[in-house]
Amino acid sequence: LPRVTSRALQDQLLAEAHRVLRPGGCLTGSGSRTGPVFRLAHLGDVLTVVDPDTFRQRLAAAGFRDPVVSLARGFFTFRAWR
């Protein structure tokens, strides 16, 4: 599988998810929030962190409607509709 190693590739992935998702379908997921332990655990990884503060706008830019991003300690969740 190709690696998603940049923000541009993440945006392409979101656009492709929007394209293949059935109308009325929901994209849901979660991601880790960065911090010292997270960075240490991924030392040496190819890592492109998703900023939860801008992810709602990125989902909308990919064509999703009503995107919601919820923050929790150490992670975030998201939901958006096709």
PDB file of N, CA and C in Angstrom:
ATOM      1  N   LEU A   1       0.836  -1.188   0.000  1.00  0.00           N
ATOM      2  CA  LEU A   1       0.000   0.000   0.000  1.00  0.00           C
ATOM      3  C   LEU A   1       0.876   1.246   0.000  1.00  0.00           C
ATOM      4  N   PRO A   2       0.439   2.277  -0.708  1.00  0.00           N
ATOM      5  CA  PRO A   2       1.197   3.530  -0.682  1.00  0.00           C
ATOM      6  C   PRO A   2       1.145   4.161   0.702  1.00  0.00           C
ATOM      7  N   ARG A   3       2.207   4.840   1.064  1.00  0.00           N
ATOM      8  CA  ARG A   3       2.259   5.530   2.349  1.00  0.00           C
ATOM      9  C   ARG A   3       1.706   6.938   2.198  1.00  0.00           C
ATOM     10  N   VAL A   4       0.985   7.378   3.191  1.00  0.00           N
ATOM     11  CA  VAL A   4       0.405   8.724   3.188  1.00  0.00           C
ATOM     12  C   VAL A   4       1.376   9.604   3.974  1.00  0.00           C
ATOM     13  N   THR A   5       2.349  10.150   3.250  1.00  0.00           N
ATOM     14  CA  THR A   5       3.486  10.805   3.885  1.00  0.00           C
ATOM     15  C   THR A   5       3.452  12.322   3.834  1.00  0.00           C
ATOM     16  N   SER A   6       2.337  12.896   3.425  1.00  0.00           N
ATOM     17  CA  SER A   6       2.257  14.362   3.387  1.00  0.00           C
ATOM     18  C   SER A   6       0.802  14.800   3.566  1.00  0.00           C
ATOM     19  N   ARG A   7       0.638  16.049   3.896  1.00  0.00           N
ATOM     20  CA  ARG A   7      -0.711  16.603   4.020  1.00  0.00           C
ATOM     21  C   ARG A   7      -1.443  16.533   2.678  1.00  0.00           C
ATOM     22  N   ALA A   8      -0.722  16.779   1.580  1.00  0.00           N
ATOM     23  CA  ALA A   8      -1.334  16.720   0.250  1.00  0.00           C
ATOM     24  C   ALA A   8      -1.858  15.313  -0.037  1.00  0.00           C
ATOM     25  N   LEU A   9      -1.102  14.285   0.340  1.00  0.00           N
ATOM     26  CA  LEU A   9      -1.564  12.911   0.138  1.00  0.00           C
ATOM     27  C   LEU A   9      -2.748  12.590   1.054  1.00  0.00           C
ATOM     28  N   GLN A  10      -2.745  13.146   2.255  1.00  0.00           N
ATOM     29  CA  GLN A  10      -3.901  12.968   3.134  1.00  0.00           C
ATOM     30  C   GLN A  10      -5.139  13.570   2.486  1.00  0.00           C
ATOM     31  N   ASP A  11      -4.993  14.761   1.909  1.00  0.00           N
ATOM     32  CA  ASP A  11      -6.129  15.416   1.262  1.00  0.00           C
ATOM     33  C   ASP A  11      -6.608  14.617   0.046  1.00  0.00           C
ATOM     34  N   GLN A  12      -5.680  14.019  -0.696  1.00  0.00           N
ATOM     35  CA  GLN A  12      -6.064  13.158  -1.821  1.00  0.00           C
ATOM     36  C   GLN A  12      -6.831  11.940  -1.317  1.00  0.00           C
ATOM     37  N   LEU A  13      -6.403  11.379  -0.199  1.00  0.00           N
ATOM     38  CA  LEU A  13      -7.094  10.229   0.391  1.00  0.00           C
ATOM     39  C   LEU A  13      -8.512  10.608   0.810  1.00  0.00           C
ATOM     40  N   LEU A  14      -8.677  11.780   1.412  1.00  0.00           N
ATOM     41  CA  LEU A  14     -10.016  12.239   1.805  1.00  0.00           C
ATOM     42  C   LEU A  14     -10.899  12.434   0.577  1.00  0.00           C
ATOM     43  N   ALA A  15     -10.351  13.019  -0.479  1.00  0.00           N
ATOM     44  CA  ALA A  15     -11.122  13.220  -1.710  1.00  0.00           C
ATOM     45  C   ALA A  15     -11.530  11.880  -2.321  1.00  0.00           C
ATOM     46  N   GLU A  16     -10.652  10.909  -2.289  1.00  0.00           N
ATOM     47  CA  GLU A  16     -10.980   9.582  -2.826  1.00  0.00           C
ATOM     48  C   GLU A  16     -12.034   8.889  -1.961  1.00  0.00           C
ATOM     49  N   ALA A  17     -11.929   9.044  -0.642  1.00  0.00           N
ATOM     50  CA  ALA A  17     -12.951   8.477   0.245  1.00  0.00           C
ATOM     51  C   ALA A  17     -14.310   9.096  -0.071  1.00  0.00           C
ATOM     52  N   HIS A  18     -14.336  10.394  -0.298  1.00  0.00           N
ATOM     53  CA  HIS A  18     -15.591  11.061  -0.660  1.00  0.00           C
ATOM     54  C   HIS A  18     -16.124  10.523  -1.982  1.00  0.00           C
ATOM     55  N   ARG A  19     -15.233  10.323  -2.940  1.00  0.00           N
ATOM     56  CA  ARG A  19     -15.649   9.853  -4.266  1.00  0.00           C
ATOM     57  C   ARG A  19     -16.291   8.469  -4.213  1.00  0.00           C
ATOM     58  N   VAL A  20     -15.712   7.558  -3.433  1.00  0.00           N
ATOM     59  CA  VAL A  20     -16.196   6.172  -3.439  1.00  0.00           C
ATOM     60  C   VAL A  20     -17.294   5.899  -2.420  1.00  0.00           C
ATOM     61  N   LEU A  21     -17.483   6.807  -1.467  1.00  0.00           N
ATOM     62  CA  LEU A  21     -18.525   6.592  -0.459  1.00  0.00           C
ATOM     63  C   LEU A  21     -19.899   6.812  -1.076  1.00  0.00           C
ATOM     64  N   ARG A  22     -20.804   5.943  -0.760  1.00  0.00           N
ATOM     65  CA  ARG A  22     -22.176   6.050  -1.266  1.00  0.00           C
ATOM     66  C   ARG A  22     -22.825   7.347  -0.784  1.00  0.00           C
ATOM     67  N   PRO A  23     -23.616   8.005  -1.635  1.00  0.00           N
ATOM     68  CA  PRO A  23     -24.335   9.201  -1.180  1.00  0.00           C
ATOM     69  C   PRO A  23     -25.132   8.895   0.100  1.00  0.00           C
ATOM     70  N   GLY A  24     -25.019   9.771   1.064  1.00  0.00           N
ATOM     71  CA  GLY A  24     -25.661   9.559   2.360  1.00  0.00           C
ATOM     72  C   GLY A  24     -24.797   8.772   3.327  1.00  0.00           C
ATOM     73  N   GLY A  25     -23.661   8.239   2.826  1.00  0.00           N
ATOM     74  CA  GLY A  25     -22.759   7.468   3.677  1.00  0.00           C
ATOM     75  C   GLY A  25     -21.985   8.363   4.626  1.00  0.00           C
ATOM     76  N   CYS A  26     -21.438   7.755   5.651  1.00  0.00           N
ATOM     77  CA  CYS A  26     -20.726   8.489   6.696  1.00  0.00           C
ATOM     78  C   CYS A  26     -19.281   7.989   6.789  1.00  0.00           C
ATOM     79  N   LEU A  27     -18.348   8.911   6.790  1.00  0.00           N
ATOM     80  CA  LEU A  27     -16.943   8.601   7.035  1.00  0.00           C
ATOM     81  C   LEU A  27     -16.678   8.877   8.505  1.00  0.00           C
ATOM     82  N   THR A  28     -16.163   7.898   9.212  1.00  0.00           N
ATOM     83  CA  THR A  28     -15.827   8.071  10.627  1.00  0.00           C
ATOM     84  C   THR A  28     -14.414   7.570  10.856  1.00  0.00           C
ATOM     85  N   GLY A  29     -13.786   8.095  11.869  1.00  0.00           N
ATOM     86  CA  GLY A  29     -12.449   7.632  12.195  1.00  0.00           C
ATOM     87  C   GLY A  29     -11.918   8.307  13.433  1.00  0.00           C
ATOM     88  N   SER A  30     -10.658   8.023  13.705  1.00  0.00           N
ATOM     89  CA  SER A  30      -9.994   8.625  14.857  1.00  0.00           C
ATOM     90  C   SER A  30      -8.517   8.782  14.550  1.00  0.00           C
ATOM     91  N   GLY A  31      -7.876   9.627  15.309  1.00  0.00           N
ATOM     92  CA  GLY A  31      -6.449   9.844  15.167  1.00  0.00           C
ATOM     93  C   GLY A  31      -5.853  10.201  16.505  1.00  0.00           C
ATOM     94  N   SER A  32      -4.562  10.030  16.594  1.00  0.00           N
ATOM     95  CA  SER A  32      -3.856  10.369  17.828  1.00  0.00           C
ATOM     96  C   SER A  32      -3.506  11.839  17.848  1.00  0.00           C
ATOM     97  N   ARG A  33      -3.526  12.406  19.030  1.00  0.00           N
ATOM     98  CA  ARG A  33      -3.035  13.776  19.210  1.00  0.00           C
ATOM     99  C   ARG A  33      -1.570  13.678  19.598  1.00  0.00           C
ATOM    100  N   THR A  34      -0.784  14.580  19.088  1.00  0.00           N
ATOM    101  CA  THR A  34       0.653  14.505  19.318  1.00  0.00           C
ATOM    102  C   THR A  34       1.034  15.003  20.709  1.00  0.00           C
ATOM    103  N   GLY A  35       2.096  14.469  21.214  1.00  0.00           N
ATOM    104  CA  GLY A  35       2.649  14.841  22.509  1.00  0.00           C
ATOM    105  C   GLY A  35       3.975  14.122  22.675  1.00  0.00           C
ATOM    106  N   PRO A  36       4.648  14.313  23.781  1.00  0.00           N
ATOM    107  CA  PRO A  36       5.971  13.702  23.967  1.00  0.00           C
ATOM    108  C   PRO A  36       5.962  12.172  23.864  1.00  0.00           C
ATOM    109  N   VAL A  37       5.016  11.513  24.493  1.00  0.00           N
ATOM    110  CA  VAL A  37       4.959  10.047  24.448  1.00  0.00           C
ATOM    111  C   VAL A  37       4.639   9.569  23.033  1.00  0.00           C
ATOM    112  N   PHE A  38       3.706  10.258  22.368  1.00  0.00           N
ATOM    113  CA  PHE A  38       3.354   9.920  20.987  1.00  0.00           C
ATOM    114  C   PHE A  38       4.579  10.037  20.086  1.00  0.00           C
ATOM    115  N   ARG A  39       5.297  11.142  20.198  1.00  0.00           N
ATOM    116  CA  ARG A  39       6.496  11.357  19.375  1.00  0.00           C
ATOM    117  C   ARG A  39       7.551  10.283  19.649  1.00  0.00           C
ATOM    118  N   LEU A  40       7.749   9.932  20.902  1.00  0.00           N
ATOM    119  CA  LEU A  40       8.724   8.900  21.259  1.00  0.00           C
ATOM    120  C   LEU A  40       8.315   7.545  20.680  1.00  0.00           C
ATOM    121  N   ALA A  41       7.028   7.229  20.764  1.00  0.00           N
ATOM    122  CA  ALA A  41       6.535   5.950  20.244  1.00  0.00           C
ATOM    123  C   ALA A  41       6.715   5.846  18.733  1.00  0.00           C
ATOM    124  N   HIS A  42       6.767   6.981  18.056  1.00  0.00           N
ATOM    125  CA  HIS A  42       6.880   6.991  16.594  1.00  0.00           C
ATOM    126  C   HIS A  42       8.241   7.488  16.114  1.00  0.00           C
ATOM    127  N   LEU A  43       9.225   7.427  16.984  1.00  0.00           N
ATOM    128  CA  LEU A  43      10.574   7.834  16.629  1.00  0.00           C
ATOM    129  C   LEU A  43      11.064   7.003  15.440  1.00  0.00           C
ATOM    130  N   GLY A  44      11.478   7.663  14.390  1.00  0.00           N
ATOM    131  CA  GLY A  44      11.957   6.967  13.201  1.00  0.00           C
ATOM    132  C   GLY A  44      10.877   6.624  12.191  1.00  0.00           C
ATOM    133  N   ASP A  45       9.613   6.821  12.547  1.00  0.00           N
ATOM    134  CA  ASP A  45       8.510   6.574  11.612  1.00  0.00           C
ATOM    135  C   ASP A  45       8.417   7.706  10.589  1.00  0.00           C
ATOM    136  N   VAL A  46       7.829   7.384   9.447  1.00  0.00           N
ATOM    137  CA  VAL A  46       7.400   8.436   8.533  1.00  0.00           C
ATOM    138  C   VAL A  46       6.053   8.884   9.083  1.00  0.00           C
ATOM    139  N   LEU A  47       6.006  10.075   9.615  1.00  0.00           N
ATOM    140  CA  LEU A  47       4.838  10.510  10.373  1.00  0.00           C
ATOM    141  C   LEU A  47       4.344  11.849   9.860  1.00  0.00           C
ATOM    142  N   THR A  48       3.094  11.885   9.444  1.00  0.00           N
ATOM    143  CA  THR A  48       2.448  13.129   9.051  1.00  0.00           C
ATOM    144  C   THR A  48       1.238  13.298   9.957  1.00  0.00           C
ATOM    145  N   VAL A  49       1.420  14.070  11.005  1.00  0.00           N
ATOM    146  CA  VAL A  49       0.391  14.257  12.021  1.00  0.00           C
ATOM    147  C   VAL A  49      -0.781  15.057  11.443  1.00  0.00           C
ATOM    148  N   VAL A  50      -1.986  14.641  11.769  1.00  0.00           N
ATOM    149  CA  VAL A  50      -3.196  15.373  11.386  1.00  0.00           C
ATOM    150  C   VAL A  50      -3.516  16.365  12.501  1.00  0.00           C
ATOM    151  N   ASP A  51      -3.680  17.615  12.149  1.00  0.00           N
ATOM    152  CA  ASP A  51      -4.037  18.645  13.122  1.00  0.00           C
ATOM    153  C   ASP A  51      -5.555  18.627  13.303  1.00  0.00           C
ATOM    154  N   PRO A  52      -6.041  18.204  14.469  1.00  0.00           N
ATOM    155  CA  PRO A  52      -7.489  18.135  14.659  1.00  0.00           C
ATOM    156  C   PRO A  52      -8.164  19.507  14.593  1.00  0.00           C
ATOM    157  N   ASP A  53      -7.402  20.579  14.823  1.00  0.00           N
ATOM    158  CA  ASP A  53      -7.986  21.924  14.789  1.00  0.00           C
ATOM    159  C   ASP A  53      -8.344  22.369  13.367  1.00  0.00           C
ATOM    160  N   THR A  54      -7.712  21.782  12.357  1.00  0.00           N
ATOM    161  CA  THR A  54      -8.007  22.159  10.967  1.00  0.00           C
ATOM    162  C   THR A  54      -8.657  21.022  10.177  1.00  0.00           C
ATOM    163  N   PHE A  55      -8.847  19.866  10.810  1.00  0.00           N
ATOM    164  CA  PHE A  55      -9.336  18.702  10.075  1.00  0.00           C
ATOM    165  C   PHE A  55     -10.781  18.861   9.604  1.00  0.00           C
ATOM    166  N   ARG A  56     -11.598  19.564  10.371  1.00  0.00           N
ATOM    167  CA  ARG A  56     -12.986  19.794   9.952  1.00  0.00           C
ATOM    168  C   ARG A  56     -13.019  20.534   8.619  1.00  0.00           C
ATOM    169  N   GLN A  57     -12.195  21.560   8.477  1.00  0.00           N
ATOM    170  CA  GLN A  57     -12.140  22.310   7.226  1.00  0.00           C
ATOM    171  C   GLN A  57     -11.606  21.449   6.081  1.00  0.00           C
ATOM    172  N   ARG A  58     -10.671  20.580   6.374  1.00  0.00           N
ATOM    173  CA  ARG A  58     -10.112  19.701   5.337  1.00  0.00           C
ATOM    174  C   ARG A  58     -11.148  18.692   4.858  1.00  0.00           C
ATOM    175  N   LEU A  59     -11.966  18.175   5.772  1.00  0.00           N
ATOM    176  CA  LEU A  59     -13.052  17.272   5.373  1.00  0.00           C
ATOM    177  C   LEU A  59     -14.043  18.007   4.481  1.00  0.00           C
ATOM    178  N   ALA A  60     -14.381  19.228   4.845  1.00  0.00           N
ATOM    179  CA  ALA A  60     -15.315  20.024   4.034  1.00  0.00           C
ATOM    180  C   ALA A  60     -14.710  20.310   2.661  1.00  0.00           C
ATOM    181  N   ALA A  61     -13.428  20.624   2.610  1.00  0.00           N
ATOM    182  CA  ALA A  61     -12.769  20.906   1.334  1.00  0.00           C
ATOM    183  C   ALA A  61     -12.768  19.679   0.420  1.00  0.00           C
ATOM    184  N   ALA A  62     -12.790  18.474   1.014  1.00  0.00           N
ATOM    185  CA  ALA A  62     -12.840  17.235   0.235  1.00  0.00           C
ATOM    186  C   ALA A  62     -14.255  16.932  -0.257  1.00  0.00           C
ATOM    187  N   GLY A  63     -15.229  17.748   0.170  1.00  0.00           N
ATOM    188  CA  GLY A  63     -16.599  17.574  -0.297  1.00  0.00           C
ATOM    189  C   GLY A  63     -17.565  17.023   0.729  1.00  0.00           C
ATOM    190  N   PHE A  64     -17.074  16.692   1.919  1.00  0.00           N
ATOM    191  CA  PHE A  64     -17.965  16.144   2.944  1.00  0.00           C
ATOM    192  C   PHE A  64     -18.813  17.252   3.542  1.00  0.00           C
ATOM    193  N   ARG A  65     -19.991  16.881   4.034  1.00  0.00           N
ATOM    194  CA  ARG A  65     -20.869  17.863   4.671  1.00  0.00           C
ATOM    195  C   ARG A  65     -20.999  17.541   6.158  1.00  0.00           C
ATOM    196  N   ASP A  66     -21.297  18.558   6.904  1.00  0.00           N
ATOM    197  CA  ASP A  66     -21.504  18.460   8.356  1.00  0.00           C
ATOM    198  C   ASP A  66     -20.365  17.742   9.086  1.00  0.00           C
ATOM    199  N   PRO A  67     -19.111  18.086   8.792  1.00  0.00           N
ATOM    200  CA  PRO A  67     -18.022  17.404   9.500  1.00  0.00           C
ATOM    201  C   PRO A  67     -17.977  17.808  10.975  1.00  0.00           C
ATOM    202  N   VAL A  68     -17.697  16.826  11.815  1.00  0.00           N
ATOM    203  CA  VAL A  68     -17.564  17.037  13.256  1.00  0.00           C
ATOM    204  C   VAL A  68     -16.249  16.416  13.695  1.00  0.00           C
ATOM    205  N   VAL A  69     -15.457  17.160  14.439  1.00  0.00           N
ATOM    206  CA  VAL A  69     -14.217  16.653  15.022  1.00  0.00           C
ATOM    207  C   VAL A  69     -14.328  16.854  16.529  1.00  0.00           C
ATOM    208  N   SER A  70     -14.177  15.778  17.277  1.00  0.00           N
ATOM    209  CA  SER A  70     -14.293  15.825  18.737  1.00  0.00           C
ATOM    210  C   SER A  70     -12.948  15.488  19.364  1.00  0.00           C
ATOM    211  N   LEU A  71     -12.507  16.348  20.279  1.00  0.00           N
ATOM    212  CA  LEU A  71     -11.223  16.148  20.942  1.00  0.00           C
ATOM    213  C   LEU A  71     -11.407  15.403  22.253  1.00  0.00           C
ATOM    214  N   ALA A  72     -10.475  14.512  22.512  1.00  0.00           N
ATOM    215  CA  ALA A  72     -10.415  13.801  23.788  1.00  0.00           C
ATOM    216  C   ALA A  72      -8.950  13.778  24.217  1.00  0.00           C
ATOM    217  N   ARG A  73      -8.699  13.305  25.375  1.00  0.00           N
ATOM    218  CA  ARG A  73      -7.314  13.260  25.856  1.00  0.00           C
ATOM    219  C   ARG A  73      -6.525  12.229  25.048  1.00  0.00           C
ATOM    220  N   GLY A  74      -5.560  12.696  24.320  1.00  0.00           N
ATOM    221  CA  GLY A  74      -4.680  11.808  23.576  1.00  0.00           C
ATOM    222  C   GLY A  74      -5.165  11.411  22.192  1.00  0.00           C
ATOM    223  N   PHE A  75      -6.404  11.723  21.849  1.00  0.00           N
ATOM    224  CA  PHE A  75      -6.911  11.344  20.529  1.00  0.00           C
ATOM    225  C   PHE A  75      -8.057  12.265  20.125  1.00  0.00           C
ATOM    226  N   PHE A  76      -8.486  12.103  18.867  1.00  0.00           N
ATOM    227  CA  PHE A  76      -9.667  12.808  18.382  1.00  0.00           C
ATOM    228  C   PHE A  76     -10.465  11.863  17.498  1.00  0.00           C
ATOM    229  N   THR A  77     -11.744  12.152  17.378  1.00  0.00           N
ATOM    230  CA  THR A  77     -12.603  11.378  16.495  1.00  0.00           C
ATOM    231  C   THR A  77     -13.222  12.331  15.488  1.00  0.00           C
ATOM    232  N   PHE A  78     -13.643  11.760  14.350  1.00  0.00           N
ATOM    233  CA  PHE A  78     -14.286  12.599  13.347  1.00  0.00           C
ATOM    234  C   PHE A  78     -15.408  11.847  12.667  1.00  0.00           C
ATOM    235  N   ARG A  79     -16.342  12.633  12.121  1.00  0.00           N
ATOM    236  CA  ARG A  79     -17.489  12.098  11.377  1.00  0.00           C
ATOM    237  C   ARG A  79     -17.879  13.135  10.334  1.00  0.00           C
ATOM    238  N   ALA A  80     -18.167  12.664   9.121  1.00  0.00           N
ATOM    239  CA  ALA A  80     -18.604  13.564   8.066  1.00  0.00           C
ATOM    240  C   ALA A  80     -19.449  12.762   7.081  1.00  0.00           C
ATOM    241  N   TRP A  81     -20.367  13.435   6.427  1.00  0.00           N
ATOM    242  CA  TRP A  81     -21.337  12.771   5.545  1.00  0.00           C
ATOM    243  C   TRP A  81     -21.051  13.072   4.077  1.00  0.00           C
ATOM    244  N   ARG A  82     -21.351  12.103   3.226  1.00  0.00           N
ATOM    245  CA  ARG A  82     -21.238  12.259   1.767  1.00  0.00           C
ATOM    246  C   ARG A  82     -22.517  12.849   1.265  1.00  0.00           C
TER     247      ARG A  82
END
